[in-house]
Amino acid sequence: MSATVTQLRPGGSDRPVLHIRINGLQLDGRPVLGAMELRVKRGETVALVGPSGIGKTTLLRAVAGLQRGAEGHIDAPARTAMIFQEPTLLPWRTLTDNLRVTTGIDAGAADRLLAEIGLGGRGDAFPGQLSLGQQRRMALARAFATRPELLLMDEPFVSLDPGLVDEMMGLFLRLRAETQATTLFVTHVRDEAARLASRIVTLGGPPATVVNDAPNRAGPKGVGYC
């Protein structure tokens, strides 16, 4: 039986924004996810870490409702946004339209957001005219502009130079501070987890199960560009 992905309604502060209770998930007859339970509280930023291919992305896609087959229940809010490894901007739309079509913000708000991410005056440009780093900034800004209750990110800084990764992490922290969006993100880089997350969940296996779930004692390392 496939997992039921239930859309949670806003509740008390002690109610988790995300609650995963599954017995497992198989792909092509191969167990990928094992039995696990995971709660993410409102305001938390949780990093999912573990070996490559262990099932982190599969779990994230199951939470987003993009991967079927999990046995159990996944309770997630209706307002959930996801940032993929590759930016999913609409190539036939301008940057301004990319922001407005998914968020409903007005042109003035779109212009201000573009300026905030270093793309001021570029509203009439198309995604294909941007560098990969600029496209990643756009995808991050667009996701936060939807004011999601839950933000899912699948290795959002992969394939970027170290300087751009540092810049993107700073932008994430700043937007996260402004919106207070609860976040669950996948990373292979421990430094990213240590800098961004309030809590680090480690998956082991196969099949993937939670082998460690601990607060990040150091906490997120500030906001803004570095």
Protein backbone atom coordinates (compact mmCIF):
# COMPACT_ATOMS: atom_id res chain seq x y z
CA MET A 1 0.00 0.00 0.00
CA SER A 2 1.37 3.40 -0.95
CA ALA A 3 1.95 6.08 1.66
CA THR A 4 -0.83 8.54 2.26
CA VAL A 5 0.50 12.08 1.84
CA THR A 6 -1.80 14.16 4.01
CA GLN A 7 -1.93 17.94 3.80
CA LEU A 8 -1.67 19.30 7.32
CA ARG A 9 -3.58 22.35 8.43
CA PRO A 10 -1.82 24.94 10.60
CA GLY A 11 -1.91 23.87 14.23
CA GLY A 12 -0.23 24.60 17.52
CA SER A 13 3.45 25.37 17.81
CA ASP A 14 4.13 21.87 19.19
CA ARG A 15 2.60 20.15 16.16
CA PRO A 16 5.19 19.03 13.61
CA VAL A 17 5.08 20.71 10.23
CA LEU A 18 6.22 17.40 8.71
CA HIS A 19 5.62 13.92 10.12
CA ILE A 20 6.97 10.87 8.26
CA ARG A 21 5.87 7.39 9.39
CA ILE A 22 6.71 4.78 6.79
CA ASN A 23 7.53 1.08 6.77
CA GLY A 24 9.56 1.24 3.58
CA LEU A 25 9.67 1.95 -0.15
CA GLN A 26 10.83 -0.22 -3.03
CA LEU A 27 11.96 0.81 -6.51
CA ASP A 28 12.00 -1.91 -9.19
CA GLY A 29 11.71 -4.52 -6.46
CA ARG A 30 14.72 -3.17 -4.54
CA PRO A 31 14.20 -1.83 -0.99
CA VAL A 32 15.37 1.80 -1.01
CA LEU A 33 13.79 3.20 2.15
CA GLY A 34 13.38 1.19 5.33
CA ALA A 35 11.09 1.78 8.28
CA MET A 36 11.50 5.26 9.71
CA GLU A 37 9.75 7.99 11.64
CA LEU A 38 10.80 11.61 11.38
CA ARG A 39 9.22 14.77 12.76
CA VAL A 40 10.20 18.28 11.71
CA LYS A 41 8.98 21.07 13.98
CA ARG A 42 7.91 24.50 12.88
CA GLY A 43 10.90 26.75 12.26
CA GLU A 44 13.48 23.97 12.10
CA THR A 45 16.05 23.61 9.33
CA VAL A 46 16.88 19.91 9.09
CA ALA A 47 19.73 18.51 7.00
CA LEU A 48 19.51 14.98 5.58
CA VAL A 49 22.99 13.50 5.19
CA GLY A 50 24.33 10.05 4.36
CA PRO A 51 26.19 8.08 1.69
CA SER A 52 25.56 8.80 -1.97
CA GLY A 53 22.68 6.74 -3.33
CA ILE A 54 21.32 5.84 0.11
CA GLY A 55 17.86 7.26 -0.64
CA LYS A 56 17.92 10.86 0.58
CA THR A 57 16.48 12.26 -2.65
CA THR A 58 13.90 9.47 -2.80
CA LEU A 59 12.72 10.40 0.69
CA LEU A 60 12.51 14.07 -0.25
CA ARG A 61 10.51 13.26 -3.38
CA ALA A 62 8.16 11.08 -1.34
CA VAL A 63 7.52 14.01 1.01
CA ALA A 64 6.79 16.23 -2.00
CA GLY A 65 4.36 13.66 -3.39
CA LEU A 66 6.56 13.06 -6.44
CA GLN A 67 7.58 9.52 -5.51
CA ARG A 68 4.87 6.96 -4.85
CA GLY A 69 5.17 3.53 -3.31
CA ALA A 70 6.08 4.30 0.31
CA GLU A 71 4.13 2.23 2.83
CA GLY A 72 2.73 4.34 5.64
CA HIS A 73 1.87 7.98 6.14
CA ILE A 74 3.55 11.29 5.31
CA ASP A 75 1.84 14.35 6.79
CA ALA A 76 3.01 17.54 5.07
CA PRO A 77 1.54 21.05 4.68
CA ALA A 78 -0.31 22.11 1.54
CA ARG A 79 2.09 25.02 1.06
CA THR A 80 5.22 23.01 0.29
CA ALA A 81 7.88 24.22 -2.16
CA MET A 82 10.78 22.21 -3.57
CA ILE A 83 14.12 23.25 -5.03
CA PHE A 84 15.68 20.58 -7.25
CA GLN A 85 19.34 19.96 -8.06
CA GLU A 86 18.84 21.68 -11.42
CA PRO A 87 16.89 24.96 -11.50
CA THR A 88 13.35 24.48 -12.81
CA LEU A 89 12.78 27.98 -14.13
CA LEU A 90 10.40 28.45 -17.06
CA PRO A 91 12.75 29.12 -20.01
CA TRP A 92 10.12 30.94 -22.09
CA ARG A 93 9.27 33.38 -19.28
CA THR A 94 11.22 36.44 -18.19
CA LEU A 95 12.73 36.56 -14.71
CA THR A 96 9.92 38.82 -13.54
CA ASP A 97 7.31 36.45 -14.94
CA ASN A 98 9.06 33.45 -13.38
CA LEU A 99 8.63 35.08 -10.00
CA ARG A 100 5.07 36.30 -10.53
CA VAL A 101 3.51 33.27 -12.22
CA THR A 102 4.15 30.96 -9.27
CA THR A 103 3.90 33.38 -6.36
CA GLY A 104 1.26 35.94 -7.32
CA ILE A 105 3.44 38.85 -6.22
CA ASP A 106 3.13 42.14 -8.08
CA ALA A 107 5.72 43.59 -10.44
CA GLY A 108 7.11 45.93 -7.79
CA ALA A 109 7.67 43.10 -5.33
CA ALA A 110 9.32 41.05 -8.07
CA ASP A 111 11.69 43.92 -8.86
CA ARG A 112 12.62 44.27 -5.19
CA LEU A 113 13.27 40.56 -4.89
CA LEU A 114 15.45 40.56 -8.00
CA ALA A 115 17.46 43.43 -6.52
CA GLU A 116 17.83 41.52 -3.26
CA ILE A 117 19.40 38.54 -5.03
CA GLY A 118 21.74 40.67 -7.13
CA LEU A 119 19.68 40.65 -10.34
CA GLY A 120 18.25 44.14 -10.17
CA GLY A 121 17.38 45.55 -13.59
CA ARG A 122 17.37 42.07 -15.15
CA GLY A 123 13.64 41.44 -14.95
CA ASP A 124 13.23 41.28 -18.75
CA ALA A 125 16.01 38.70 -19.14
CA PHE A 126 15.30 35.01 -19.70
CA PRO A 127 16.72 32.12 -17.64
CA GLY A 128 18.95 31.01 -20.52
CA GLN A 129 20.78 34.34 -20.31
CA LEU A 130 21.85 33.67 -16.71
CA SER A 131 24.80 31.76 -15.31
CA LEU A 132 24.11 28.60 -13.30
CA GLY A 133 24.74 30.50 -10.08
CA GLN A 134 22.25 33.20 -11.06
CA GLN A 135 19.66 30.57 -11.99
CA ARG A 136 20.15 28.94 -8.60
CA ARG A 137 19.60 32.29 -6.88
CA MET A 138 16.41 32.75 -8.89
CA ALA A 139 15.13 29.30 -7.95
CA LEU A 140 15.86 29.94 -4.27
CA ALA A 141 14.18 33.35 -4.30
CA ARG A 142 11.13 32.02 -6.16
CA ALA A 143 10.67 29.22 -3.64
CA PHE A 144 10.84 31.56 -0.67
CA ALA A 145 8.52 34.06 -2.39
CA THR A 146 5.72 31.47 -2.28
CA ARG A 147 5.88 31.74 1.54
CA PRO A 148 5.94 27.97 1.99
CA GLU A 149 5.22 26.32 5.31
CA LEU A 150 7.72 23.67 4.28
CA LEU A 151 10.68 24.11 1.93
CA LEU A 152 12.38 21.02 0.48
CA MET A 153 15.83 21.39 -1.11
CA ASP A 154 17.71 18.64 -2.95
CA GLU A 155 21.40 19.57 -3.01
CA PRO A 156 20.66 23.15 -4.08
CA PHE A 157 24.35 24.14 -4.23
CA VAL A 158 25.72 21.16 -6.18
CA SER A 159 28.16 21.88 -9.07
CA LEU A 160 28.84 25.44 -7.93
CA ASP A 161 32.29 26.88 -7.24
CA PRO A 162 33.13 27.28 -3.52
CA GLY A 163 32.72 31.05 -3.68
CA LEU A 164 29.24 30.72 -5.18
CA VAL A 165 28.30 28.07 -2.64
CA ASP A 166 29.28 30.45 0.15
CA GLU A 167 27.19 33.20 -1.45
CA MET A 168 24.19 30.89 -1.91
CA MET A 169 24.34 29.71 1.70
CA GLY A 170 24.39 33.31 2.83
CA LEU A 171 21.36 34.08 0.66
CA PHE A 172 19.51 31.06 2.02
CA LEU A 173 20.16 32.11 5.61
CA ARG A 174 18.97 35.64 4.92
CA LEU A 175 15.75 34.56 3.17
CA ARG A 176 15.18 31.91 5.81
CA ALA A 177 15.49 34.53 8.55
CA GLU A 178 12.95 36.74 6.77
CA THR A 179 10.36 34.02 6.17
CA GLN A 180 10.98 31.51 8.99
CA ALA A 181 10.17 28.69 6.54
CA THR A 182 10.59 25.21 7.97
CA THR A 183 13.20 23.49 5.79
CA LEU A 184 14.31 19.94 5.02
CA PHE A 185 17.31 19.70 2.73
CA VAL A 186 19.61 17.04 1.29
CA THR A 187 23.36 17.54 1.17
CA HIS A 188 26.51 15.45 0.80
CA VAL A 189 28.63 18.23 2.30
CA ARG A 190 28.97 18.20 6.07
CA ASP A 191 30.05 21.85 6.13
CA GLU A 192 26.74 22.85 4.50
CA ALA A 193 24.80 20.90 7.11
CA ALA A 194 26.85 22.41 9.93
CA ARG A 195 26.39 25.96 8.67
CA LEU A 196 22.71 25.89 7.69
CA ALA A 197 20.92 23.31 9.83
CA SER A 198 19.52 23.47 13.33
CA ARG A 199 19.38 19.67 13.28
CA ILE A 200 21.21 16.96 11.32
CA VAL A 201 19.59 13.62 10.45
CA THR A 202 21.90 10.88 9.16
CA LEU A 203 20.60 8.06 6.98
CA GLY A 204 22.33 4.68 6.79
CA GLY A 205 21.56 1.41 5.08
CA PRO A 206 20.55 0.12 2.62
CA PRO A 207 17.66 0.31 2.87
CA ALA A 208 17.79 3.84 4.24
CA THR A 209 16.92 4.27 7.89
CA VAL A 210 17.61 7.02 10.41
CA VAL A 211 20.84 6.09 12.20
CA ASN A 212 21.41 9.42 13.95
CA ASP A 213 19.25 12.45 14.69
CA ALA A 214 20.97 15.21 16.62
CA PRO A 215 20.75 18.98 17.08
CA ASN A 216 23.46 21.07 15.50
CA ARG A 217 24.99 22.47 18.66
CA ALA A 218 26.76 25.27 16.82
CA GLY A 219 23.55 26.30 15.04
CA PRO A 220 23.20 28.13 11.72
CA LYS A 221 26.16 30.46 11.18
CA GLY A 222 24.55 33.85 10.74
CA VAL A 223 22.74 35.52 7.87
CA GLY A 224 23.53 37.52 4.78
CA TYR A 225 26.23 37.28 2.15
CA CYS A 226 29.70 36.33 3.36
